[in-house]
Amino acid sequence: MVSLAVKTQDEIETGRQKRSSIEGFHLAQEIGLLDQDLFILMREGTPPLQHRDQHHARKYHSYLWVFRKHDVRMLRKVQSSATPGK
């Protein structure tokens, strides 16, 4: 089994929320990876401020996704057993 760990953190880009964690999840699905596990990592201390006025929640956490590659043999077995008449 092949596993891939990806660390992401949502961010503010040009004043708008950017959900990098969701984008990463969808990209992994598009290339055929399954999510195996998800860890939420907490930051110690206060994140640095880039602007004087705060308009969004501070991001004190990031995500560590663990993905795995589909087992093609298992997929074929499940698909063939789900096909009527076989």
PDB file of N, CA and C in Angstrom:
ATOM      1  N   MET A   1       0.851  -1.176   0.000  1.00  0.00           N
ATOM      2  CA  MET A   1       0.000   0.000   0.000  1.00  0.00           C
ATOM      3  C   MET A   1       0.896   1.238   0.000  1.00  0.00           C
ATOM      4  N   VAL A   2       0.573   2.193  -0.854  1.00  0.00           N
ATOM      5  CA  VAL A   2       1.324   3.437  -0.955  1.00  0.00           C
ATOM      6  C   VAL A   2       0.546   4.533  -0.248  1.00  0.00           C
ATOM      7  N   SER A   3       1.212   5.228   0.684  1.00  0.00           N
ATOM      8  CA  SER A   3       0.566   6.328   1.410  1.00  0.00           C
ATOM      9  C   SER A   3       1.260   7.646   1.093  1.00  0.00           C
ATOM     10  N   LEU A   4       0.507   8.727   1.205  1.00  0.00           N
ATOM     11  CA  LEU A   4       1.015  10.071   0.962  1.00  0.00           C
ATOM     12  C   LEU A   4       0.472  10.974   2.063  1.00  0.00           C
ATOM     13  N   ALA A   5       1.356  11.701   2.734  1.00  0.00           N
ATOM     14  CA  ALA A   5       0.939  12.657   3.769  1.00  0.00           C
ATOM     15  C   ALA A   5       1.050  14.063   3.197  1.00  0.00           C
ATOM     16  N   VAL A   6      -0.011  14.865   3.382  1.00  0.00           N
ATOM     17  CA  VAL A   6      -0.053  16.229   2.860  1.00  0.00           C
ATOM     18  C   VAL A   6      -0.496  17.164   3.981  1.00  0.00           C
ATOM     19  N   LYS A   7       0.304  18.205   4.229  1.00  0.00           N
ATOM     20  CA  LYS A   7      -0.052  19.188   5.253  1.00  0.00           C
ATOM     21  C   LYS A   7      -0.625  20.422   4.564  1.00  0.00           C
ATOM     22  N   THR A   8      -1.783  20.883   5.023  1.00  0.00           N
ATOM     23  CA  THR A   8      -2.426  22.062   4.448  1.00  0.00           C
ATOM     24  C   THR A   8      -2.864  22.998   5.563  1.00  0.00           C
ATOM     25  N   GLN A   9      -3.076  24.254   5.195  1.00  0.00           N
ATOM     26  CA  GLN A   9      -3.629  25.224   6.139  1.00  0.00           C
ATOM     27  C   GLN A   9      -4.481  26.208   5.358  1.00  0.00           C
ATOM     28  N   ASP A  10      -5.700  26.426   5.822  1.00  0.00           N
ATOM     29  CA  ASP A  10      -6.562  27.422   5.199  1.00  0.00           C
ATOM     30  C   ASP A  10      -5.935  28.794   5.424  1.00  0.00           C
ATOM     31  N   GLU A  11      -6.219  29.716   4.507  1.00  0.00           N
ATOM     32  CA  GLU A  11      -5.568  31.021   4.584  1.00  0.00           C
ATOM     33  C   GLU A  11      -6.477  32.113   4.046  1.00  0.00           C
ATOM     34  N   ILE A  12      -6.054  33.342   4.235  1.00  0.00           N
ATOM     35  CA  ILE A  12      -6.736  34.500   3.671  1.00  0.00           C
ATOM     36  C   ILE A  12      -5.881  34.985   2.504  1.00  0.00           C
ATOM     37  N   GLU A  13      -6.502  35.086   1.337  1.00  0.00           N
ATOM     38  CA  GLU A  13      -5.779  35.558   0.148  1.00  0.00           C
ATOM     39  C   GLU A  13      -6.570  36.716  -0.457  1.00  0.00           C
ATOM     40  N   THR A  14      -5.939  37.860  -0.541  1.00  0.00           N
ATOM     41  CA  THR A  14      -6.562  39.101  -1.014  1.00  0.00           C
ATOM     42  C   THR A  14      -7.909  39.353  -0.345  1.00  0.00           C
ATOM     43  N   GLY A  15      -7.926  39.168   0.986  1.00  0.00           N
ATOM     44  CA  GLY A  15      -9.110  39.480   1.766  1.00  0.00           C
ATOM     45  C   GLY A  15     -10.209  38.438   1.737  1.00  0.00           C
ATOM     46  N   ARG A  16      -9.961  37.292   1.103  1.00  0.00           N
ATOM     47  CA  ARG A  16     -10.992  36.238   1.014  1.00  0.00           C
ATOM     48  C   ARG A  16     -10.469  34.929   1.568  1.00  0.00           C
ATOM     49  N   GLN A  17     -11.373  34.136   2.144  1.00  0.00           N
ATOM     50  CA  GLN A  17     -11.015  32.820   2.658  1.00  0.00           C
ATOM     51  C   GLN A  17     -10.582  31.912   1.511  1.00  0.00           C
ATOM     52  N   LYS A  18      -9.495  31.206   1.711  1.00  0.00           N
ATOM     53  CA  LYS A  18      -9.062  30.196   0.746  1.00  0.00           C
ATOM     54  C   LYS A  18      -8.951  28.878   1.502  1.00  0.00           C
ATOM     55  N   ARG A  19      -9.789  27.933   1.156  1.00  0.00           N
ATOM     56  CA  ARG A  19      -9.839  26.643   1.856  1.00  0.00           C
ATOM     57  C   ARG A  19      -8.878  25.652   1.194  1.00  0.00           C
ATOM     58  N   SER A  20      -7.608  25.812   1.480  1.00  0.00           N
ATOM     59  CA  SER A  20      -6.584  24.946   0.884  1.00  0.00           C
ATOM     60  C   SER A  20      -6.780  23.489   1.282  1.00  0.00           C
ATOM     61  N   SER A  21      -7.291  23.255   2.476  1.00  0.00           N
ATOM     62  CA  SER A  21      -7.495  21.873   2.925  1.00  0.00           C
ATOM     63  C   SER A  21      -8.547  21.171   2.057  1.00  0.00           C
ATOM     64  N   ILE A  22      -9.608  21.873   1.722  1.00  0.00           N
ATOM     65  CA  ILE A  22     -10.662  21.279   0.890  1.00  0.00           C
ATOM     66  C   ILE A  22     -10.165  21.103  -0.545  1.00  0.00           C
ATOM     67  N   GLU A  23      -9.437  22.097  -1.044  1.00  0.00           N
ATOM     68  CA  GLU A  23      -8.877  21.990  -2.390  1.00  0.00           C
ATOM     69  C   GLU A  23      -7.939  20.791  -2.491  1.00  0.00           C
ATOM     70  N   GLY A  24      -7.090  20.607  -1.481  1.00  0.00           N
ATOM     71  CA  GLY A  24      -6.162  19.472  -1.468  1.00  0.00           C
ATOM     72  C   GLY A  24      -6.889  18.141  -1.447  1.00  0.00           C
ATOM     73  N   PHE A  25      -7.966  18.069  -0.669  1.00  0.00           N
ATOM     74  CA  PHE A  25      -8.757  16.839  -0.599  1.00  0.00           C
ATOM     75  C   PHE A  25      -9.361  16.508  -1.971  1.00  0.00           C
ATOM     76  N   HIS A  26      -9.935  17.508  -2.629  1.00  0.00           N
ATOM     77  CA  HIS A  26     -10.555  17.278  -3.938  1.00  0.00           C
ATOM     78  C   HIS A  26      -9.516  16.904  -4.998  1.00  0.00           C
ATOM     79  N   LEU A  27      -8.354  17.522  -4.955  1.00  0.00           N
ATOM     80  CA  LEU A  27      -7.293  17.168  -5.904  1.00  0.00           C
ATOM     81  C   LEU A  27      -6.840  15.722  -5.708  1.00  0.00           C
ATOM     82  N   ALA A  28      -6.711  15.309  -4.455  1.00  0.00           N
ATOM     83  CA  ALA A  28      -6.312  13.924  -4.178  1.00  0.00           C
ATOM     84  C   ALA A  28      -7.343  12.944  -4.725  1.00  0.00           C
ATOM     85  N   GLN A  29      -8.629  13.261  -4.557  1.00  0.00           N
ATOM     86  CA  GLN A  29      -9.679  12.394  -5.094  1.00  0.00           C
ATOM     87  C   GLN A  29      -9.612  12.325  -6.614  1.00  0.00           C
ATOM     88  N   GLU A  30      -9.344  13.467  -7.254  1.00  0.00           N
ATOM     89  CA  GLU A  30      -9.275  13.504  -8.717  1.00  0.00           C
ATOM     90  C   GLU A  30      -8.177  12.606  -9.268  1.00  0.00           C
ATOM     91  N   ILE A  31      -7.070  12.471  -8.545  1.00  0.00           N
ATOM     92  CA  ILE A  31      -5.989  11.617  -9.040  1.00  0.00           C
ATOM     93  C   ILE A  31      -6.070  10.193  -8.494  1.00  0.00           C
ATOM     94  N   GLY A  32      -7.195   9.877  -7.855  1.00  0.00           N
ATOM     95  CA  GLY A  32      -7.446   8.500  -7.449  1.00  0.00           C
ATOM     96  C   GLY A  32      -6.949   8.099  -6.079  1.00  0.00           C
ATOM     97  N   LEU A  33      -6.742   9.057  -5.184  1.00  0.00           N
ATOM     98  CA  LEU A  33      -6.313   8.732  -3.827  1.00  0.00           C
ATOM     99  C   LEU A  33      -7.513   8.711  -2.889  1.00  0.00           C
ATOM    100  N   LEU A  34      -7.455   7.834  -1.896  1.00  0.00           N
ATOM    101  CA  LEU A  34      -8.495   7.745  -0.864  1.00  0.00           C
ATOM    102  C   LEU A  34      -7.963   8.363   0.419  1.00  0.00           C
ATOM    103  N   ASP A  35      -8.805   9.080   1.153  1.00  0.00           N
ATOM    104  CA  ASP A  35      -8.345   9.621   2.432  1.00  0.00           C
ATOM    105  C   ASP A  35      -8.358   8.500   3.462  1.00  0.00           C
ATOM    106  N   GLN A  36      -7.218   8.326   4.094  1.00  0.00           N
ATOM    107  CA  GLN A  36      -7.067   7.265   5.075  1.00  0.00           C
ATOM    108  C   GLN A  36      -7.200   7.823   6.488  1.00  0.00           C
ATOM    109  N   ASP A  37      -6.694   9.052   6.683  1.00  0.00           N
ATOM    110  CA  ASP A  37      -6.733   9.640   8.025  1.00  0.00           C
ATOM    111  C   ASP A  37      -6.575  11.150   7.926  1.00  0.00           C
ATOM    112  N   LEU A  38      -6.970  11.845   8.975  1.00  0.00           N
ATOM    113  CA  LEU A  38      -6.849  13.297   9.043  1.00  0.00           C
ATOM    114  C   LEU A  38      -6.448  13.679  10.464  1.00  0.00           C
ATOM    115  N   PHE A  39      -5.378  14.455  10.565  1.00  0.00           N
ATOM    116  CA  PHE A  39      -4.918  14.959  11.852  1.00  0.00           C
ATOM    117  C   PHE A  39      -5.078  16.475  11.853  1.00  0.00           C
ATOM    118  N   ILE A  40      -5.504  17.024  12.972  1.00  0.00           N
ATOM    119  CA  ILE A  40      -5.585  18.472  13.126  1.00  0.00           C
ATOM    120  C   ILE A  40      -4.439  18.875  14.043  1.00  0.00           C
ATOM    121  N   LEU A  41      -3.531  19.697  13.517  1.00  0.00           N
ATOM    122  CA  LEU A  41      -2.342  20.119  14.249  1.00  0.00           C
ATOM    123  C   LEU A  41      -2.562  21.529  14.783  1.00  0.00           C
ATOM    124  N   MET A  42      -2.350  21.729  16.073  1.00  0.00           N
ATOM    125  CA  MET A  42      -2.566  23.032  16.703  1.00  0.00           C
ATOM    126  C   MET A  42      -1.251  23.797  16.815  1.00  0.00           C
ATOM    127  N   ARG A  43      -1.324  25.083  16.518  1.00  0.00           N
ATOM    128  CA  ARG A  43      -0.162  25.969  16.599  1.00  0.00           C
ATOM    129  C   ARG A  43      -0.013  26.475  18.033  1.00  0.00           C
ATOM    130  N   GLU A  44       1.217  26.562  18.498  1.00  0.00           N
ATOM    131  CA  GLU A  44       1.487  27.167  19.802  1.00  0.00           C
ATOM    132  C   GLU A  44       1.778  28.645  19.599  1.00  0.00           C
ATOM    133  N   GLY A  45       1.264  29.467  20.450  1.00  0.00           N
ATOM    134  CA  GLY A  45       1.502  30.899  20.324  1.00  0.00           C
ATOM    135  C   GLY A  45       0.499  31.554  19.392  1.00  0.00           C
ATOM    136  N   THR A  46       0.691  32.848  19.171  1.00  0.00           N
ATOM    137  CA  THR A  46      -0.225  33.627  18.344  1.00  0.00           C
ATOM    138  C   THR A  46       0.318  33.735  16.923  1.00  0.00           C
ATOM    139  N   PRO A  47      -0.525  33.495  15.915  1.00  0.00           N
ATOM    140  CA  PRO A  47      -0.054  33.675  14.536  1.00  0.00           C
ATOM    141  C   PRO A  47       0.297  35.139  14.286  1.00  0.00           C
ATOM    142  N   PRO A  48       1.269  35.388  13.414  1.00  0.00           N
ATOM    143  CA  PRO A  48       1.645  36.783  13.144  1.00  0.00           C
ATOM    144  C   PRO A  48       0.525  37.538  12.427  1.00  0.00           C
ATOM    145  N   LEU A  49       0.365  38.800  12.782  1.00  0.00           N
ATOM    146  CA  LEU A  49      -0.635  39.649  12.128  1.00  0.00           C
ATOM    147  C   LEU A  49       0.003  40.375  10.954  1.00  0.00           C
ATOM    148  N   GLN A  50      -0.690  40.406   9.818  1.00  0.00           N
ATOM    149  CA  GLN A  50      -0.155  41.098   8.655  1.00  0.00           C
ATOM    150  C   GLN A  50      -0.845  42.445   8.431  1.00  0.00           C
ATOM    151  N   HIS A  51      -1.993  42.652   9.073  1.00  0.00           N
ATOM    152  CA  HIS A  51      -2.737  43.892   8.904  1.00  0.00           C
ATOM    153  C   HIS A  51      -3.112  44.444  10.274  1.00  0.00           C
ATOM    154  N   ARG A  52      -3.340  45.735  10.335  1.00  0.00           N
ATOM    155  CA  ARG A  52      -3.690  46.365  11.608  1.00  0.00           C
ATOM    156  C   ARG A  52      -5.085  45.956  12.077  1.00  0.00           C
ATOM    157  N   ASP A  53      -6.039  45.888  11.154  1.00  0.00           N
ATOM    158  CA  ASP A  53      -7.412  45.511  11.486  1.00  0.00           C
ATOM    159  C   ASP A  53      -7.650  44.046  11.154  1.00  0.00           C
ATOM    160  N   GLN A  54      -8.280  43.337  12.074  1.00  0.00           N
ATOM    161  CA  GLN A  54      -8.556  41.915  11.860  1.00  0.00           C
ATOM    162  C   GLN A  54      -9.977  41.747  11.332  1.00  0.00           C
ATOM    163  N   HIS A  55     -10.130  41.093  10.190  1.00  0.00           N
ATOM    164  CA  HIS A  55     -11.441  40.877   9.583  1.00  0.00           C
ATOM    165  C   HIS A  55     -11.834  39.401   9.545  1.00  0.00           C
ATOM    166  N   HIS A  56     -10.903  38.500   9.825  1.00  0.00           N
ATOM    167  CA  HIS A  56     -11.173  37.058   9.767  1.00  0.00           C
ATOM    168  C   HIS A  56     -10.607  36.391  11.021  1.00  0.00           C
ATOM    169  N   ALA A  57     -11.084  35.195  11.276  1.00  0.00           N
ATOM    170  CA  ALA A  57     -10.581  34.427  12.418  1.00  0.00           C
ATOM    171  C   ALA A  57      -9.114  34.067  12.191  1.00  0.00           C
ATOM    172  N   ARG A  58      -8.355  34.058  13.248  1.00  0.00           N
ATOM    173  CA  ARG A  58      -6.954  33.641  13.148  1.00  0.00           C
ATOM    174  C   ARG A  58      -6.891  32.136  12.968  1.00  0.00           C
ATOM    175  N   LYS A  59      -5.911  31.692  12.210  1.00  0.00           N
ATOM    176  CA  LYS A  59      -5.754  30.267  11.910  1.00  0.00           C
ATOM    177  C   LYS A  59      -4.723  29.662  12.873  1.00  0.00           C
ATOM    178  N   TYR A  60      -5.217  28.983  13.893  1.00  0.00           N
ATOM    179  CA  TYR A  60      -4.346  28.353  14.887  1.00  0.00           C
ATOM    180  C   TYR A  60      -4.109  26.878  14.582  1.00  0.00           C
ATOM    181  N   HIS A  61      -4.602  26.393  13.461  1.00  0.00           N
ATOM    182  CA  HIS A  61      -4.499  24.962  13.180  1.00  0.00           C
ATOM    183  C   HIS A  61      -4.169  24.720  11.705  1.00  0.00           C
ATOM    184  N   SER A  62      -3.652  23.539  11.451  1.00  0.00           N
ATOM    185  CA  SER A  62      -3.435  23.077  10.086  1.00  0.00           C
ATOM    186  C   SER A  62      -3.894  21.613  10.046  1.00  0.00           C
ATOM    187  N   TYR A  63      -3.927  21.058   8.860  1.00  0.00           N
ATOM    188  CA  TYR A  63      -4.403  19.687   8.682  1.00  0.00           C
ATOM    189  C   TYR A  63      -3.291  18.828   8.096  1.00  0.00           C
ATOM    190  N   LEU A  64      -3.204  17.608   8.551  1.00  0.00           N
ATOM    191  CA  LEU A  64      -2.299  16.632   7.967  1.00  0.00           C
ATOM    192  C   LEU A  64      -3.160  15.487   7.448  1.00  0.00           C
ATOM    193  N   TRP A  65      -3.342  15.457   6.122  1.00  0.00           N
ATOM    194  CA  TRP A  65      -4.125  14.401   5.478  1.00  0.00           C
ATOM    195  C   TRP A  65      -3.203  13.229   5.175  1.00  0.00           C
ATOM    196  N   VAL A  66      -3.685  12.028   5.368  1.00  0.00           N
ATOM    197  CA  VAL A  66      -2.972  10.832   4.931  1.00  0.00           C
ATOM    198  C   VAL A  66      -3.853  10.171   3.879  1.00  0.00           C
ATOM    199  N   PHE A  67      -3.309  10.071   2.679  1.00  0.00           N
ATOM    200  CA  PHE A  67      -4.035   9.466   1.560  1.00  0.00           C
ATOM    201  C   PHE A  67      -3.378   8.148   1.189  1.00  0.00           C
ATOM    202  N   ARG A  68      -4.136   7.277   0.544  1.00  0.00           N
ATOM    203  CA  ARG A  68      -3.555   6.037   0.019  1.00  0.00           C
ATOM    204  C   ARG A  68      -4.081   5.795  -1.383  1.00  0.00           C
ATOM    205  N   LYS A  69      -3.296   5.063  -2.120  1.00  0.00           N
ATOM    206  CA  LYS A  69      -3.644   4.750  -3.493  1.00  0.00           C
ATOM    207  C   LYS A  69      -4.681   3.638  -3.495  1.00  0.00           C
ATOM    208  N   HIS A  70      -5.635   3.721  -4.450  1.00  0.00           N
ATOM    209  CA  HIS A  70      -6.625   2.653  -4.605  1.00  0.00           C
ATOM    210  C   HIS A  70      -5.937   1.326  -4.870  1.00  0.00           C
ATOM    211  N   ASP A  71      -6.464   0.272  -4.314  1.00  0.00           N
ATOM    212  CA  ASP A  71      -6.015  -1.071  -4.678  1.00  0.00           C
ATOM    213  C   ASP A  71      -6.871  -1.495  -5.872  1.00  0.00           C
ATOM    214  N   VAL A  72      -6.295  -1.445  -7.065  1.00  0.00           N
ATOM    215  CA  VAL A  72      -7.044  -1.695  -8.296  1.00  0.00           C
ATOM    216  C   VAL A  72      -7.664  -3.083  -8.297  1.00  0.00           C
ATOM    217  N   ARG A  73      -6.949  -4.070  -7.776  1.00  0.00           N
ATOM    218  CA  ARG A  73      -7.498  -5.436  -7.743  1.00  0.00           C
ATOM    219  C   ARG A  73      -8.765  -5.502  -6.890  1.00  0.00           C
ATOM    220  N   MET A  74      -8.763  -4.817  -5.736  1.00  0.00           N
ATOM    221  CA  MET A  74      -9.929  -4.808  -4.854  1.00  0.00           C
ATOM    222  C   MET A  74     -11.088  -4.078  -5.521  1.00  0.00           C
ATOM    223  N   LEU A  75     -10.806  -2.963  -6.197  1.00  0.00           N
ATOM    224  CA  LEU A  75     -11.860  -2.224  -6.887  1.00  0.00           C
ATOM    225  C   LEU A  75     -12.535  -3.093  -7.944  1.00  0.00           C
ATOM    226  N   ARG A  76     -11.739  -3.808  -8.717  1.00  0.00           N
ATOM    227  CA  ARG A  76     -12.298  -4.688  -9.755  1.00  0.00           C
ATOM    228  C   ARG A  76     -13.175  -5.769  -9.126  1.00  0.00           C
ATOM    229  N   LYS A  77     -12.731  -6.305  -8.004  1.00  0.00           N
ATOM    230  CA  LYS A  77     -13.492  -7.352  -7.324  1.00  0.00           C
ATOM    231  C   LYS A  77     -14.830  -6.805  -6.830  1.00  0.00           C
ATOM    232  N   VAL A  78     -14.824  -5.609  -6.244  1.00  0.00           N
ATOM    233  CA  VAL A  78     -16.065  -4.988  -5.743  1.00  0.00           C
ATOM    234  C   VAL A  78     -16.989  -4.652  -6.903  1.00  0.00           C
ATOM    235  N   GLN A  79     -16.439  -4.099  -7.983  1.00  0.00           N
ATOM    236  CA  GLN A  79     -17.261  -3.731  -9.138  1.00  0.00           C
ATOM    237  C   GLN A  79     -17.884  -4.955  -9.787  1.00  0.00           C
ATOM    238  N   SER A  80     -17.118  -6.044  -9.904  1.00  0.00           N
ATOM    239  CA  SER A  80     -17.663  -7.247 -10.542  1.00  0.00           C
ATOM    240  C   SER A  80     -18.728  -7.908  -9.671  1.00  0.00           C
ATOM    241  N   SER A  81     -18.586  -7.836  -8.352  1.00  0.00           N
ATOM    242  CA  SER A  81     -19.596  -8.438  -7.487  1.00  0.00           C
ATOM    243  C   SER A  81     -20.865  -7.579  -7.426  1.00  0.00           C
ATOM    244  N   ALA A  82     -20.724  -6.260  -7.715  1.00  0.00           N
ATOM    245  CA  ALA A  82     -21.883  -5.377  -7.697  1.00  0.00           C
ATOM    246  C   ALA A  82     -22.667  -5.399  -9.018  1.00  0.00           C
ATOM    247  N   THR A  83     -22.067  -5.986 -10.057  1.00  0.00           N
ATOM    248  CA  THR A  83     -22.717  -6.048 -11.369  1.00  0.00           C
ATOM    249  C   THR A  83     -23.758  -7.168 -11.355  1.00  0.00           C
ATOM    250  N   PRO A  84     -25.038  -6.864 -11.682  1.00  0.00           N
ATOM    251  CA  PRO A  84     -26.072  -7.905 -11.685  1.00  0.00           C
ATOM    252  C   PRO A  84     -25.794  -8.967 -12.752  1.00  0.00           C
ATOM    253  N   GLY A  85     -26.131 -10.183 -12.433  1.00  0.00           N
ATOM    254  CA  GLY A  85     -25.999 -11.288 -13.390  1.00  0.00           C
ATOM    255  C   GLY A  85     -24.643 -11.951 -13.364  1.00  0.00           C
ATOM    256  N   LYS A  86     -23.782 -11.588 -12.443  1.00  0.00           N
ATOM    257  CA  LYS A  86     -22.468 -12.234 -12.363  1.00  0.00           C
ATOM    258  C   LYS A  86     -22.339 -13.008 -11.096  1.00  0.00           C
TER     259      LYS A  86
END
